[in-house]
Amino acid sequence: MDKTWKSKTRIRAHAHKWPGVYYYELTTTHNGKPDRCFFYVVKVGGKKLWRKVGKLSEGYGPEIAAEYRARALVGLADGTTEVLTPKEEREETLAKDKTIAELGKVYFDIKTGSVKGIKTDLNRFEKHIKPKFGSKRVSQIVPIDIEYFKKALLETHMRGTVWNILEVFRRIVNYGFKTHQCPALSFVIEMPEKDNAKVEYLTTEQAARFLKTAREWPDRDVGRMVEIAYFTGMRRGEIFKLEERNLITIRDPKSGKKTETIGMSDIVASILLEQIAINHERRPEATVNGKEGWCAARRLQWRRKNQESGGFAGRFSAISWTAPQFRRNACEQREIQHK
């Protein structure tokens, strides 16, 4: 029995009013008198089932308890209400408020193979989140729990790492709420401010030297790849998987979406058309499965031999460009800022 209850005896709310409504007296007070916790009772299959309504101090009086009981009786009569046993009620409540360990298992089972970086997120979960919150239910987690967790992490990890760990925690809870496995967090997690992000811009001289090196690079395939990265902001892996249709279509982008499209400037169009022309010379147009088209794929290695560009050197491991058709699209070139 709850320690705040004054006795185990259920007292009928009134001798003549509100049949089936009872209360316990509590050790706490309300308006100078012992507080009361109201219940109602119904019979299901010859057995009495007790249902808690609430405390007088919370605004629940005998009239409200009687109204709840009346609704339950009407629902039982027409079959629209299912009255669960206390055990069934607990099981149903727990099914909608799973532990963090249970939520994490479901999340990673579902997301594995469909989300980039899922192995890293799983490692963060197993190493940091599960030991601390694995046995806790979302409804049991309060802001101070997160604050202590964040403080302990910041003592041994960079702010960016702590941010990523908290983001995994938040993502798991949000997924649980979305799939009706837990309630939403009752508060907003305050994320640590990242201090490891640094944005640098090329000077006019650096940009000129960069483009000069790219355009004069002996292996023109590599040079054109780097020019595309410069004028579009695409990542290396996205360029390797580049497909073009009416717009540049990025396959398997880092954002996790299946595809993304970006606008194409005249400069980028001319670079790609030049690459297409070269590929067309290497491999003549052919008919495949009754459809005209051609595909040229080439593996490239760019080793760190030239430092002329002041940091331009790097390594590109592979590229596959497919070009069934290509059109120029009227769009503005991405703005490149210089100091």
C-alpha atoms as a PDB file:
ATOM      1  CA  MET A   1       0.000   0.000   0.000  1.00  0.00           C
ATOM      2  CA  ASP A   2       1.115   3.546  -0.700  1.00  0.00           C
ATOM      3  CA  LYS A   3       2.952   4.997   2.326  1.00  0.00           C
ATOM      4  CA  THR A   4       0.879   8.183   2.047  1.00  0.00           C
ATOM      5  CA  TRP A   5      -2.312   6.273   2.791  1.00  0.00           C
ATOM      6  CA  LYS A   6      -3.445   6.695   6.385  1.00  0.00           C
ATOM      7  CA  SER A   7      -5.116   3.271   6.552  1.00  0.00           C
ATOM      8  CA  LYS A   8      -6.014   0.296   4.386  1.00  0.00           C
ATOM      9  CA  THR A   9      -9.720   0.795   4.950  1.00  0.00           C
ATOM     10  CA  ARG A  10     -11.764   1.953   1.964  1.00  0.00           C
ATOM     11  CA  ILE A  11     -14.455   4.369   3.042  1.00  0.00           C
ATOM     12  CA  ARG A  12     -17.629   4.851   1.039  1.00  0.00           C
ATOM     13  CA  ALA A  13     -17.837   8.424  -0.226  1.00  0.00           C
ATOM     14  CA  HIS A  14     -21.498   8.818   0.889  1.00  0.00           C
ATOM     15  CA  ALA A  15     -24.100   6.523   2.376  1.00  0.00           C
ATOM     16  CA  HIS A  16     -26.766   7.433  -0.208  1.00  0.00           C
ATOM     17  CA  LYS A  17     -24.979   9.301  -3.002  1.00  0.00           C
ATOM     18  CA  TRP A  18     -22.403   8.113  -5.544  1.00  0.00           C
ATOM     19  CA  PRO A  19     -22.764   4.315  -5.298  1.00  0.00           C
ATOM     20  CA  GLY A  20     -19.547   2.389  -5.911  1.00  0.00           C
ATOM     21  CA  VAL A  21     -17.340   5.393  -5.043  1.00  0.00           C
ATOM     22  CA  TYR A  22     -14.835   5.043  -2.185  1.00  0.00           C
ATOM     23  CA  TYR A  23     -11.777   6.794  -0.852  1.00  0.00           C
ATOM     24  CA  TYR A  24      -8.686   6.324   1.283  1.00  0.00           C
ATOM     25  CA  GLU A  25      -7.572   8.976   3.717  1.00  0.00           C
ATOM     26  CA  LEU A  26      -3.973  10.082   3.204  1.00  0.00           C
ATOM     27  CA  THR A  27      -1.310  11.281   5.594  1.00  0.00           C
ATOM     28  CA  THR A  28      -0.975  14.475   3.557  1.00  0.00           C
ATOM     29  CA  THR A  29      -3.413  17.328   4.080  1.00  0.00           C
ATOM     30  CA  HIS A  30      -5.592  19.483   1.831  1.00  0.00           C
ATOM     31  CA  ASN A  31      -7.285  22.655   3.104  1.00  0.00           C
ATOM     32  CA  GLY A  32      -6.353  21.703   6.681  1.00  0.00           C
ATOM     33  CA  LYS A  33      -7.900  18.214   6.484  1.00  0.00           C
ATOM     34  CA  PRO A  34      -6.514  14.801   5.520  1.00  0.00           C
ATOM     35  CA  ASP A  35      -6.367  14.517   1.748  1.00  0.00           C
ATOM     36  CA  ARG A  36      -8.465  11.825   0.081  1.00  0.00           C
ATOM     37  CA  CYS A  37      -7.765   9.536  -2.868  1.00  0.00           C
ATOM     38  CA  PHE A  38     -10.942   8.439  -4.660  1.00  0.00           C
ATOM     39  CA  PHE A  39     -11.655   5.100  -6.326  1.00  0.00           C
ATOM     40  CA  TYR A  40     -14.638   3.486  -7.972  1.00  0.00           C
ATOM     41  CA  VAL A  41     -15.530  -0.188  -8.223  1.00  0.00           C
ATOM     42  CA  VAL A  42     -17.273  -2.169 -10.970  1.00  0.00           C
ATOM     43  CA  LYS A  43     -18.086  -5.849 -11.311  1.00  0.00           C
ATOM     44  CA  VAL A  44     -16.737  -7.780 -14.286  1.00  0.00           C
ATOM     45  CA  GLY A  45     -17.460 -11.503 -14.504  1.00  0.00           C
ATOM     46  CA  GLY A  46     -18.525 -11.580 -10.879  1.00  0.00           C
ATOM     47  CA  LYS A  47     -15.255  -9.995  -9.733  1.00  0.00           C
ATOM     48  CA  LYS A  48     -14.755  -6.527  -8.330  1.00  0.00           C
ATOM     49  CA  LEU A  49     -12.293  -4.308 -10.130  1.00  0.00           C
ATOM     50  CA  TRP A  50     -11.076  -1.162  -8.397  1.00  0.00           C
ATOM     51  CA  ARG A  51     -10.002   1.866 -10.395  1.00  0.00           C
ATOM     52  CA  LYS A  52      -8.139   4.841  -9.014  1.00  0.00           C
ATOM     53  CA  VAL A  53      -9.459   8.267 -10.058  1.00  0.00           C
ATOM     54  CA  GLY A  54      -7.293  10.780  -8.212  1.00  0.00           C
ATOM     55  CA  LYS A  55      -6.769  12.907  -5.128  1.00  0.00           C
ATOM     56  CA  LEU A  56      -9.014  15.630  -3.792  1.00  0.00           C
ATOM     57  CA  SER A  57      -5.997  17.968  -3.832  1.00  0.00           C
ATOM     58  CA  GLU A  58      -5.683  17.266  -7.568  1.00  0.00           C
ATOM     59  CA  GLY A  59      -9.263  18.312  -8.220  1.00  0.00           C
ATOM     60  CA  TYR A  60     -10.867  14.857  -8.181  1.00  0.00           C
ATOM     61  CA  GLY A  61     -13.885  14.674  -5.906  1.00  0.00           C
ATOM     62  CA  PRO A  62     -16.628  12.039  -5.422  1.00  0.00           C
ATOM     63  CA  GLU A  63     -18.784  13.554  -8.190  1.00  0.00           C
ATOM     64  CA  ILE A  64     -16.026  13.098 -10.756  1.00  0.00           C
ATOM     65  CA  ALA A  65     -15.323   9.546  -9.549  1.00  0.00           C
ATOM     66  CA  ALA A  66     -19.031   8.748  -9.914  1.00  0.00           C
ATOM     67  CA  GLU A  67     -18.992  10.137 -13.461  1.00  0.00           C
ATOM     68  CA  TYR A  68     -16.012   7.945 -14.370  1.00  0.00           C
ATOM     69  CA  ARG A  69     -17.831   4.925 -12.941  1.00  0.00           C
ATOM     70  CA  ALA A  70     -20.985   5.707 -14.912  1.00  0.00           C
ATOM     71  CA  ARG A  71     -18.992   5.913 -18.156  1.00  0.00           C
ATOM     72  CA  ALA A  72     -17.318   2.575 -17.380  1.00  0.00           C
ATOM     73  CA  LEU A  73     -20.674   0.904 -16.741  1.00  0.00           C
ATOM     74  CA  VAL A  74     -22.157   2.223 -19.998  1.00  0.00           C
ATOM     75  CA  GLY A  75     -19.080   1.076 -21.893  1.00  0.00           C
ATOM     76  CA  LEU A  76     -19.272  -2.393 -20.358  1.00  0.00           C
ATOM     77  CA  ALA A  77     -22.963  -2.653 -21.216  1.00  0.00           C
ATOM     78  CA  ASP A  78     -22.557  -1.805 -24.906  1.00  0.00           C
ATOM     79  CA  GLY A  79     -19.145  -3.489 -25.295  1.00  0.00           C
ATOM     80  CA  THR A  80     -17.201  -0.319 -26.119  1.00  0.00           C
ATOM     81  CA  THR A  81     -15.106  -0.338 -22.937  1.00  0.00           C
ATOM     82  CA  GLU A  82     -12.663  -3.029 -21.870  1.00  0.00           C
ATOM     83  CA  VAL A  83     -11.964  -3.092 -18.147  1.00  0.00           C
ATOM     84  CA  LEU A  84      -8.551  -4.614 -17.543  1.00  0.00           C
ATOM     85  CA  THR A  85      -7.351  -6.317 -14.411  1.00  0.00           C
ATOM     86  CA  PRO A  86      -4.653  -4.442 -12.467  1.00  0.00           C
ATOM     87  CA  LYS A  87      -2.036  -6.858 -13.847  1.00  0.00           C
ATOM     88  CA  GLU A  88      -3.207  -6.351 -17.437  1.00  0.00           C
ATOM     89  CA  GLU A  89      -3.318  -2.614 -16.861  1.00  0.00           C
ATOM     90  CA  ARG A  90       0.293  -2.604 -15.630  1.00  0.00           C
ATOM     91  CA  GLU A  91       1.437  -4.682 -18.603  1.00  0.00           C
ATOM     92  CA  GLU A  92      -0.310  -2.328 -21.026  1.00  0.00           C
ATOM     93  CA  THR A  93       1.254   0.707 -19.351  1.00  0.00           C
ATOM     94  CA  LEU A  94       4.739  -0.820 -19.455  1.00  0.00           C
ATOM     95  CA  ALA A  95       4.314  -1.734 -23.135  1.00  0.00           C
ATOM     96  CA  LYS A  96       3.867   1.983 -23.844  1.00  0.00           C
ATOM     97  CA  ASP A  97       6.799   3.001 -21.652  1.00  0.00           C
ATOM     98  CA  LYS A  98       9.683   0.721 -22.560  1.00  0.00           C
ATOM     99  CA  THR A  99      13.155   0.996 -21.074  1.00  0.00           C
ATOM    100  CA  ILE A 100      15.928   2.776 -22.977  1.00  0.00           C
ATOM    101  CA  ALA A 101      17.622  -0.598 -23.535  1.00  0.00           C
ATOM    102  CA  GLU A 102      14.442  -1.983 -25.137  1.00  0.00           C
ATOM    103  CA  LEU A 103      13.967   1.132 -27.259  1.00  0.00           C
ATOM    104  CA  GLY A 104      17.591   0.995 -28.384  1.00  0.00           C
ATOM    105  CA  LYS A 105      17.318  -2.647 -29.436  1.00  0.00           C
ATOM    106  CA  VAL A 106      14.252  -1.965 -31.575  1.00  0.00           C
ATOM    107  CA  TYR A 107      15.754   1.220 -33.048  1.00  0.00           C
ATOM    108  CA  PHE A 108      19.007  -0.403 -34.151  1.00  0.00           C
ATOM    109  CA  ASP A 109      17.258  -3.562 -35.396  1.00  0.00           C
ATOM    110  CA  ILE A 110      15.080  -1.417 -37.672  1.00  0.00           C
ATOM    111  CA  LYS A 111      17.633   1.189 -38.723  1.00  0.00           C
ATOM    112  CA  THR A 112      20.641  -1.050 -39.387  1.00  0.00           C
ATOM    113  CA  GLY A 113      21.437  -0.934 -43.077  1.00  0.00           C
ATOM    114  CA  SER A 114      19.221   2.073 -43.818  1.00  0.00           C
ATOM    115  CA  VAL A 115      20.963   4.883 -41.912  1.00  0.00           C
ATOM    116  CA  LYS A 116      24.510   6.078 -42.492  1.00  0.00           C
ATOM    117  CA  GLY A 117      26.822   5.862 -39.487  1.00  0.00           C
ATOM    118  CA  ILE A 118      24.542   3.396 -37.692  1.00  0.00           C
ATOM    119  CA  LYS A 119      27.512   1.333 -36.449  1.00  0.00           C
ATOM    120  CA  THR A 120      29.048   4.413 -34.849  1.00  0.00           C
ATOM    121  CA  ASP A 121      25.703   5.295 -33.247  1.00  0.00           C
ATOM    122  CA  LEU A 122      25.351   1.736 -31.923  1.00  0.00           C
ATOM    123  CA  ASN A 123      28.820   1.958 -30.397  1.00  0.00           C
ATOM    124  CA  ARG A 124      27.899   5.242 -28.683  1.00  0.00           C
ATOM    125  CA  PHE A 125      24.709   3.661 -27.376  1.00  0.00           C
ATOM    126  CA  GLU A 126      26.380   0.521 -26.025  1.00  0.00           C
ATOM    127  CA  LYS A 127      29.341   2.362 -24.521  1.00  0.00           C
ATOM    128  CA  HIS A 128      27.699   5.449 -23.014  1.00  0.00           C
ATOM    129  CA  ILE A 129      23.892   5.475 -23.052  1.00  0.00           C
ATOM    130  CA  LYS A 130      22.936   1.907 -22.167  1.00  0.00           C
ATOM    131  CA  PRO A 131      25.122   1.616 -19.024  1.00  0.00           C
ATOM    132  CA  LYS A 132      23.598   4.833 -17.653  1.00  0.00           C
ATOM    133  CA  PHE A 133      19.959   4.685 -18.784  1.00  0.00           C
ATOM    134  CA  GLY A 134      19.416   1.122 -20.043  1.00  0.00           C
ATOM    135  CA  SER A 135      17.120   0.053 -17.187  1.00  0.00           C
ATOM    136  CA  LYS A 136      15.259   3.370 -16.979  1.00  0.00           C
ATOM    137  CA  ARG A 137      11.941   4.114 -18.624  1.00  0.00           C
ATOM    138  CA  VAL A 138      11.458   7.370 -20.483  1.00  0.00           C
ATOM    139  CA  SER A 139       8.855   8.530 -17.942  1.00  0.00           C
ATOM    140  CA  GLN A 140      11.462   8.119 -15.181  1.00  0.00           C
ATOM    141  CA  ILE A 141      14.105  10.338 -16.804  1.00  0.00           C
ATOM    142  CA  VAL A 142      14.231  13.907 -15.537  1.00  0.00           C
ATOM    143  CA  PRO A 143      16.351  16.880 -16.678  1.00  0.00           C
ATOM    144  CA  ILE A 144      18.880  16.518 -13.851  1.00  0.00           C
ATOM    145  CA  ASP A 145      19.683  12.963 -15.039  1.00  0.00           C
ATOM    146  CA  ILE A 146      20.711  14.326 -18.435  1.00  0.00           C
ATOM    147  CA  GLU A 147      22.674  17.201 -16.883  1.00  0.00           C
ATOM    148  CA  TYR A 148      24.764  14.862 -14.715  1.00  0.00           C
ATOM    149  CA  PHE A 149      25.254  12.536 -17.696  1.00  0.00           C
ATOM    150  CA  LYS A 150      26.380  15.433 -19.879  1.00  0.00           C
ATOM    151  CA  LYS A 151      28.702  16.775 -17.164  1.00  0.00           C
ATOM    152  CA  ALA A 152      30.413  13.382 -16.751  1.00  0.00           C
ATOM    153  CA  LEU A 153      30.897  13.033 -20.506  1.00  0.00           C
ATOM    154  CA  LEU A 154      32.370  16.516 -20.886  1.00  0.00           C
ATOM    155  CA  GLU A 155      35.086  15.638 -18.378  1.00  0.00           C
ATOM    156  CA  THR A 156      36.534  12.991 -20.706  1.00  0.00           C
ATOM    157  CA  HIS A 157      35.230  13.795 -24.202  1.00  0.00           C
ATOM    158  CA  MET A 158      35.184  16.659 -26.673  1.00  0.00           C
ATOM    159  CA  ARG A 159      32.024  18.738 -26.937  1.00  0.00           C
ATOM    160  CA  GLY A 160      31.343  17.459 -30.442  1.00  0.00           C
ATOM    161  CA  THR A 161      31.457  13.849 -29.214  1.00  0.00           C
ATOM    162  CA  VAL A 162      29.121  14.614 -26.301  1.00  0.00           C
ATOM    163  CA  TRP A 163      26.735  16.326 -28.718  1.00  0.00           C
ATOM    164  CA  ASN A 164      26.698  13.204 -30.905  1.00  0.00           C
ATOM    165  CA  ILE A 165      26.015  10.903 -27.925  1.00  0.00           C
ATOM    166  CA  LEU A 166      23.104  13.051 -26.738  1.00  0.00           C
ATOM    167  CA  GLU A 167      21.779  13.195 -30.290  1.00  0.00           C
ATOM    168  CA  VAL A 168      21.698   9.374 -30.437  1.00  0.00           C
ATOM    169  CA  PHE A 169      19.793   9.333 -27.124  1.00  0.00           C
ATOM    170  CA  ARG A 170      17.312  11.922 -28.393  1.00  0.00           C
ATOM    171  CA  ARG A 171      16.865  10.097 -31.703  1.00  0.00           C
ATOM    172  CA  ILE A 172      16.076   6.787 -29.955  1.00  0.00           C
ATOM    173  CA  VAL A 173      13.499   8.362 -27.631  1.00  0.00           C
ATOM    174  CA  ASN A 174      11.858  10.269 -30.490  1.00  0.00           C
ATOM    175  CA  TYR A 175      11.638   7.043 -32.504  1.00  0.00           C
ATOM    176  CA  GLY A 176      10.069   5.270 -29.507  1.00  0.00           C
ATOM    177  CA  PHE A 177       7.460   8.023 -29.157  1.00  0.00           C
ATOM    178  CA  LYS A 178       6.748   7.991 -32.895  1.00  0.00           C
ATOM    179  CA  THR A 179       6.148   4.216 -32.816  1.00  0.00           C
ATOM    180  CA  HIS A 180       4.055   4.354 -29.591  1.00  0.00           C
ATOM    181  CA  GLN A 181       6.614   2.507 -27.475  1.00  0.00           C
ATOM    182  CA  CYS A 182       7.128   5.289 -24.954  1.00  0.00           C
ATOM    183  CA  PRO A 183       5.901   8.757 -24.004  1.00  0.00           C
ATOM    184  CA  ALA A 184       7.708  11.819 -25.266  1.00  0.00           C
ATOM    185  CA  LEU A 185      10.377  13.380 -23.079  1.00  0.00           C
ATOM    186  CA  SER A 186       8.788  15.946 -20.785  1.00  0.00           C
ATOM    187  CA  PHE A 187      11.643  18.396 -21.398  1.00  0.00           C
ATOM    188  CA  VAL A 188      14.027  19.573 -24.099  1.00  0.00           C
ATOM    189  CA  ILE A 189      17.609  18.302 -23.931  1.00  0.00           C
ATOM    190  CA  GLU A 190      20.046  21.197 -23.914  1.00  0.00           C
ATOM    191  CA  MET A 191      22.846  20.250 -26.272  1.00  0.00           C
ATOM    192  CA  PRO A 192      26.430  21.396 -25.596  1.00  0.00           C
ATOM    193  CA  GLU A 193      27.699  24.041 -27.938  1.00  0.00           C
ATOM    194  CA  LYS A 194      30.121  22.610 -30.453  1.00  0.00           C
ATOM    195  CA  ASP A 195      33.470  24.354 -30.512  1.00  0.00           C
ATOM    196  CA  ASN A 196      35.277  22.170 -33.038  1.00  0.00           C
ATOM    197  CA  ALA A 197      33.549  23.466 -36.156  1.00  0.00           C
ATOM    198  CA  LYS A 198      35.760  25.727 -38.218  1.00  0.00           C
ATOM    199  CA  VAL A 199      34.910  27.322 -41.551  1.00  0.00           C
ATOM    200  CA  GLU A 200      37.704  28.658 -43.716  1.00  0.00           C
ATOM    201  CA  TYR A 201      37.454  30.431 -47.071  1.00  0.00           C
ATOM    202  CA  LEU A 202      39.982  30.552 -49.856  1.00  0.00           C
ATOM    203  CA  THR A 203      41.512  33.891 -50.631  1.00  0.00           C
ATOM    204  CA  THR A 204      41.305  35.148 -54.212  1.00  0.00           C
ATOM    205  CA  GLU A 205      44.910  34.086 -54.796  1.00  0.00           C
ATOM    206  CA  GLN A 206      44.347  30.630 -53.274  1.00  0.00           C
ATOM    207  CA  ALA A 207      41.208  30.093 -55.359  1.00  0.00           C
ATOM    208  CA  ALA A 208      43.045  31.086 -58.549  1.00  0.00           C
ATOM    209  CA  ARG A 209      45.956  28.730 -57.791  1.00  0.00           C
ATOM    210  CA  PHE A 210      43.543  25.940 -56.896  1.00  0.00           C
ATOM    211  CA  LEU A 211      41.631  26.196 -60.188  1.00  0.00           C
ATOM    212  CA  LYS A 212      44.836  26.592 -62.210  1.00  0.00           C
ATOM    213  CA  THR A 213      46.237  23.396 -60.696  1.00  0.00           C
ATOM    214  CA  ALA A 214      42.984  21.495 -61.259  1.00  0.00           C
ATOM    215  CA  ARG A 215      42.751  22.586 -64.888  1.00  0.00           C
ATOM    216  CA  GLU A 216      46.388  21.788 -65.622  1.00  0.00           C
ATOM    217  CA  TRP A 217      46.462  18.492 -63.765  1.00  0.00           C
ATOM    218  CA  PRO A 218      47.913  15.750 -66.042  1.00  0.00           C
ATOM    219  CA  ASP A 219      45.055  13.329 -65.385  1.00  0.00           C
ATOM    220  CA  ARG A 220      42.101  15.357 -66.652  1.00  0.00           C
ATOM    221  CA  ASP A 221      39.531  12.982 -65.156  1.00  0.00           C
ATOM    222  CA  VAL A 222      40.804  13.821 -61.677  1.00  0.00           C
ATOM    223  CA  GLY A 223      41.097  17.510 -62.487  1.00  0.00           C
ATOM    224  CA  ARG A 224      37.476  17.672 -63.631  1.00  0.00           C
ATOM    225  CA  MET A 225      36.349  15.818 -60.506  1.00  0.00           C
ATOM    226  CA  VAL A 226      38.002  18.403 -58.278  1.00  0.00           C
ATOM    227  CA  GLU A 227      36.509  21.257 -60.286  1.00  0.00           C
ATOM    228  CA  ILE A 228      33.046  19.772 -59.787  1.00  0.00           C
ATOM    229  CA  ALA A 229      33.686  19.521 -56.041  1.00  0.00           C
ATOM    230  CA  TYR A 230      34.737  23.183 -56.027  1.00  0.00           C
ATOM    231  CA  PHE A 231      31.758  24.498 -57.982  1.00  0.00           C
ATOM    232  CA  THR A 232      29.037  22.301 -56.420  1.00  0.00           C
ATOM    233  CA  GLY A 233      30.197  21.554 -52.872  1.00  0.00           C
ATOM    234  CA  MET A 234      29.674  17.825 -53.441  1.00  0.00           C
ATOM    235  CA  ARG A 235      31.606  15.373 -51.289  1.00  0.00           C
ATOM    236  CA  ARG A 236      34.134  12.954 -52.721  1.00  0.00           C
ATOM    237  CA  GLY A 237      31.916   9.903 -52.278  1.00  0.00           C
ATOM    238  CA  GLU A 238      28.981  11.696 -53.894  1.00  0.00           C
ATOM    239  CA  ILE A 239      31.083  12.528 -56.952  1.00  0.00           C
ATOM    240  CA  PHE A 240      32.199   8.887 -57.208  1.00  0.00           C
ATOM    241  CA  LYS A 241      28.526   7.830 -57.436  1.00  0.00           C
ATOM    242  CA  LEU A 242      27.475  10.716 -59.643  1.00  0.00           C
ATOM    243  CA  GLU A 243      24.568  10.264 -62.009  1.00  0.00           C
ATOM    244  CA  GLU A 244      23.228  13.014 -64.213  1.00  0.00           C
ATOM    245  CA  ARG A 245      19.822  13.370 -65.734  1.00  0.00           C
ATOM    246  CA  ASN A 246      18.182  16.770 -66.034  1.00  0.00           C
ATOM    247  CA  LEU A 247      19.803  17.828 -62.786  1.00  0.00           C
ATOM    248  CA  ILE A 248      22.836  16.485 -60.986  1.00  0.00           C
ATOM    249  CA  THR A 249      21.461  13.575 -58.971  1.00  0.00           C
ATOM    250  CA  ILE A 250      23.516  12.478 -55.959  1.00  0.00           C
ATOM    251  CA  ARG A 251      23.159   8.802 -55.157  1.00  0.00           C
ATOM    252  CA  ASP A 252      23.448   7.598 -51.563  1.00  0.00           C
ATOM    253  CA  PRO A 253      24.262  11.068 -50.155  1.00  0.00           C
ATOM    254  CA  LYS A 254      25.643  11.558 -46.654  1.00  0.00           C
ATOM    255  CA  SER A 255      22.328  13.078 -45.528  1.00  0.00           C
ATOM    256  CA  GLY A 256      20.866   9.550 -45.531  1.00  0.00           C
ATOM    257  CA  LYS A 257      18.278  10.256 -48.240  1.00  0.00           C
ATOM    258  CA  LYS A 258      18.176   7.920 -51.214  1.00  0.00           C
ATOM    259  CA  THR A 259      18.903  10.712 -53.676  1.00  0.00           C
ATOM    260  CA  GLU A 260      19.379  14.454 -53.641  1.00  0.00           C
ATOM    261  CA  THR A 261      19.407  16.912 -56.506  1.00  0.00           C
ATOM    262  CA  ILE A 262      21.305  20.156 -56.896  1.00  0.00           C
ATOM    263  CA  GLY A 263      21.117  22.822 -59.547  1.00  0.00           C
ATOM    264  CA  MET A 264      23.688  22.893 -62.329  1.00  0.00           C
ATOM    265  CA  SER A 265      25.555  25.999 -63.463  1.00  0.00           C
ATOM    266  CA  ASP A 266      26.907  26.543 -66.952  1.00  0.00           C
ATOM    267  CA  ILE A 267      30.430  25.970 -65.648  1.00  0.00           C
ATOM    268  CA  VAL A 268      29.528  22.565 -64.187  1.00  0.00           C
ATOM    269  CA  ALA A 269      27.599  21.701 -67.350  1.00  0.00           C
ATOM    270  CA  SER A 270      30.630  22.410 -69.515  1.00  0.00           C
ATOM    271  CA  ILE A 271      32.890  20.298 -67.285  1.00  0.00           C
ATOM    272  CA  LEU A 272      30.540  17.328 -67.400  1.00  0.00           C
ATOM    273  CA  LEU A 273      29.964  17.661 -71.138  1.00  0.00           C
ATOM    274  CA  GLU A 274      33.726  17.598 -71.618  1.00  0.00           C
ATOM    275  CA  GLN A 275      33.918  14.408 -69.530  1.00  0.00           C
ATOM    276  CA  ILE A 276      31.061  12.874 -71.499  1.00  0.00           C
ATOM    277  CA  ALA A 277      32.814  13.624 -74.784  1.00  0.00           C
ATOM    278  CA  ILE A 278      36.013  11.958 -73.574  1.00  0.00           C
ATOM    279  CA  ASN A 279      34.099   8.916 -72.324  1.00  0.00           C
ATOM    280  CA  HIS A 280      32.282   8.698 -75.651  1.00  0.00           C
ATOM    281  CA  GLU A 281      35.612   8.456 -77.457  1.00  0.00           C
ATOM    282  CA  ARG A 282      36.791   5.734 -75.095  1.00  0.00           C
ATOM    283  CA  ARG A 283      33.651   3.656 -75.478  1.00  0.00           C
ATOM    284  CA  PRO A 284      31.393   3.999 -78.551  1.00  0.00           C
ATOM    285  CA  GLU A 285      27.663   4.290 -78.167  1.00  0.00           C
ATOM    286  CA  ALA A 286      26.000   0.895 -77.851  1.00  0.00           C
ATOM    287  CA  THR A 287      22.565  -0.659 -77.527  1.00  0.00           C
ATOM    288  CA  VAL A 288      21.852  -2.445 -74.248  1.00  0.00           C
ATOM    289  CA  ASN A 289      18.597  -4.355 -73.696  1.00  0.00           C
ATOM    290  CA  GLY A 290      17.067  -2.540 -76.645  1.00  0.00           C
ATOM    291  CA  LYS A 291      17.853   0.915 -75.236  1.00  0.00           C
ATOM    292  CA  GLU A 292      20.466   3.264 -76.556  1.00  0.00           C
ATOM    293  CA  GLY A 293      22.956   4.536 -74.065  1.00  0.00           C
ATOM    294  CA  TRP A 294      26.503   4.295 -72.890  1.00  0.00           C
ATOM    295  CA  CYS A 295      28.306   4.060 -69.592  1.00  0.00           C
ATOM    296  CA  ALA A 296      31.977   4.673 -69.002  1.00  0.00           C
ATOM    297  CA  ALA A 297      33.492   3.736 -65.669  1.00  0.00           C
ATOM    298  CA  ARG A 298      37.075   4.246 -64.672  1.00  0.00           C
ATOM    299  CA  ARG A 299      39.026   3.673 -61.492  1.00  0.00           C
ATOM    300  CA  LEU A 300      41.407   6.457 -60.661  1.00  0.00           C
ATOM    301  CA  GLN A 301      44.253   6.790 -58.177  1.00  0.00           C
ATOM    302  CA  TRP A 302      45.584  10.210 -57.320  1.00  0.00           C
ATOM    303  CA  ARG A 303      48.658  10.063 -55.128  1.00  0.00           C
ATOM    304  CA  ARG A 304      50.110  12.898 -53.121  1.00  0.00           C
ATOM    305  CA  LYS A 305      52.810  14.070 -55.505  1.00  0.00           C
ATOM    306  CA  ASN A 306      52.036  17.719 -56.184  1.00  0.00           C
ATOM    307  CA  GLN A 307      51.951  20.446 -53.540  1.00  0.00           C
ATOM    308  CA  GLU A 308      51.782  23.310 -55.991  1.00  0.00           C
ATOM    309  CA  SER A 309      48.200  24.118 -55.085  1.00  0.00           C
ATOM    310  CA  GLY A 310      49.007  24.463 -51.376  1.00  0.00           C
ATOM    311  CA  GLY A 311      46.846  21.633 -50.062  1.00  0.00           C
ATOM    312  CA  PHE A 312      45.109  20.577 -53.282  1.00  0.00           C
ATOM    313  CA  ALA A 313      46.750  17.149 -53.266  1.00  0.00           C
ATOM    314  CA  GLY A 314      44.688  14.257 -51.940  1.00  0.00           C
ATOM    315  CA  ARG A 315      43.474  10.837 -53.011  1.00  0.00           C
ATOM    316  CA  PHE A 316      40.468   9.831 -55.064  1.00  0.00           C
ATOM    317  CA  SER A 317      39.955   6.083 -55.146  1.00  0.00           C
ATOM    318  CA  ALA A 318      37.201   5.510 -57.705  1.00  0.00           C
ATOM    319  CA  ILE A 319      34.665   7.220 -59.941  1.00  0.00           C
ATOM    320  CA  SER A 320      31.741   6.004 -62.012  1.00  0.00           C
ATOM    321  CA  TRP A 321      30.044   8.494 -64.314  1.00  0.00           C
ATOM    322  CA  THR A 322      26.992   7.423 -66.276  1.00  0.00           C
ATOM    323  CA  ALA A 323      25.594   9.628 -69.010  1.00  0.00           C
ATOM    324  CA  PRO A 324      22.549   8.434 -70.969  1.00  0.00           C
ATOM    325  CA  GLN A 325      21.571  12.029 -71.669  1.00  0.00           C
ATOM    326  CA  PHE A 326      22.685  15.464 -70.474  1.00  0.00           C
ATOM    327  CA  ARG A 327      21.073  18.864 -70.612  1.00  0.00           C
ATOM    328  CA  ARG A 328      22.193  22.232 -69.476  1.00  0.00           C
ATOM    329  CA  ASN A 329      19.902  23.833 -66.939  1.00  0.00           C
ATOM    330  CA  ALA A 330      19.470  27.520 -66.347  1.00  0.00           C
ATOM    331  CA  CYS A 331      20.531  28.115 -62.781  1.00  0.00           C
ATOM    332  CA  GLU A 332      22.918  30.393 -61.011  1.00  0.00           C
ATOM    333  CA  GLN A 333      26.357  29.201 -60.066  1.00  0.00           C
ATOM    334  CA  ARG A 334      26.858  28.575 -56.350  1.00  0.00           C
ATOM    335  CA  GLU A 335      28.350  31.606 -54.694  1.00  0.00           C
ATOM    336  CA  ILE A 336      31.946  31.141 -53.554  1.00  0.00           C
ATOM    337  CA  GLN A 337      33.041  33.487 -50.807  1.00  0.00           C
ATOM    338  CA  HIS A 338      36.503  34.943 -50.611  1.00  0.00           C
ATOM    339  CA  LYS A 339      38.127  36.960 -47.927  1.00  0.00           C
END
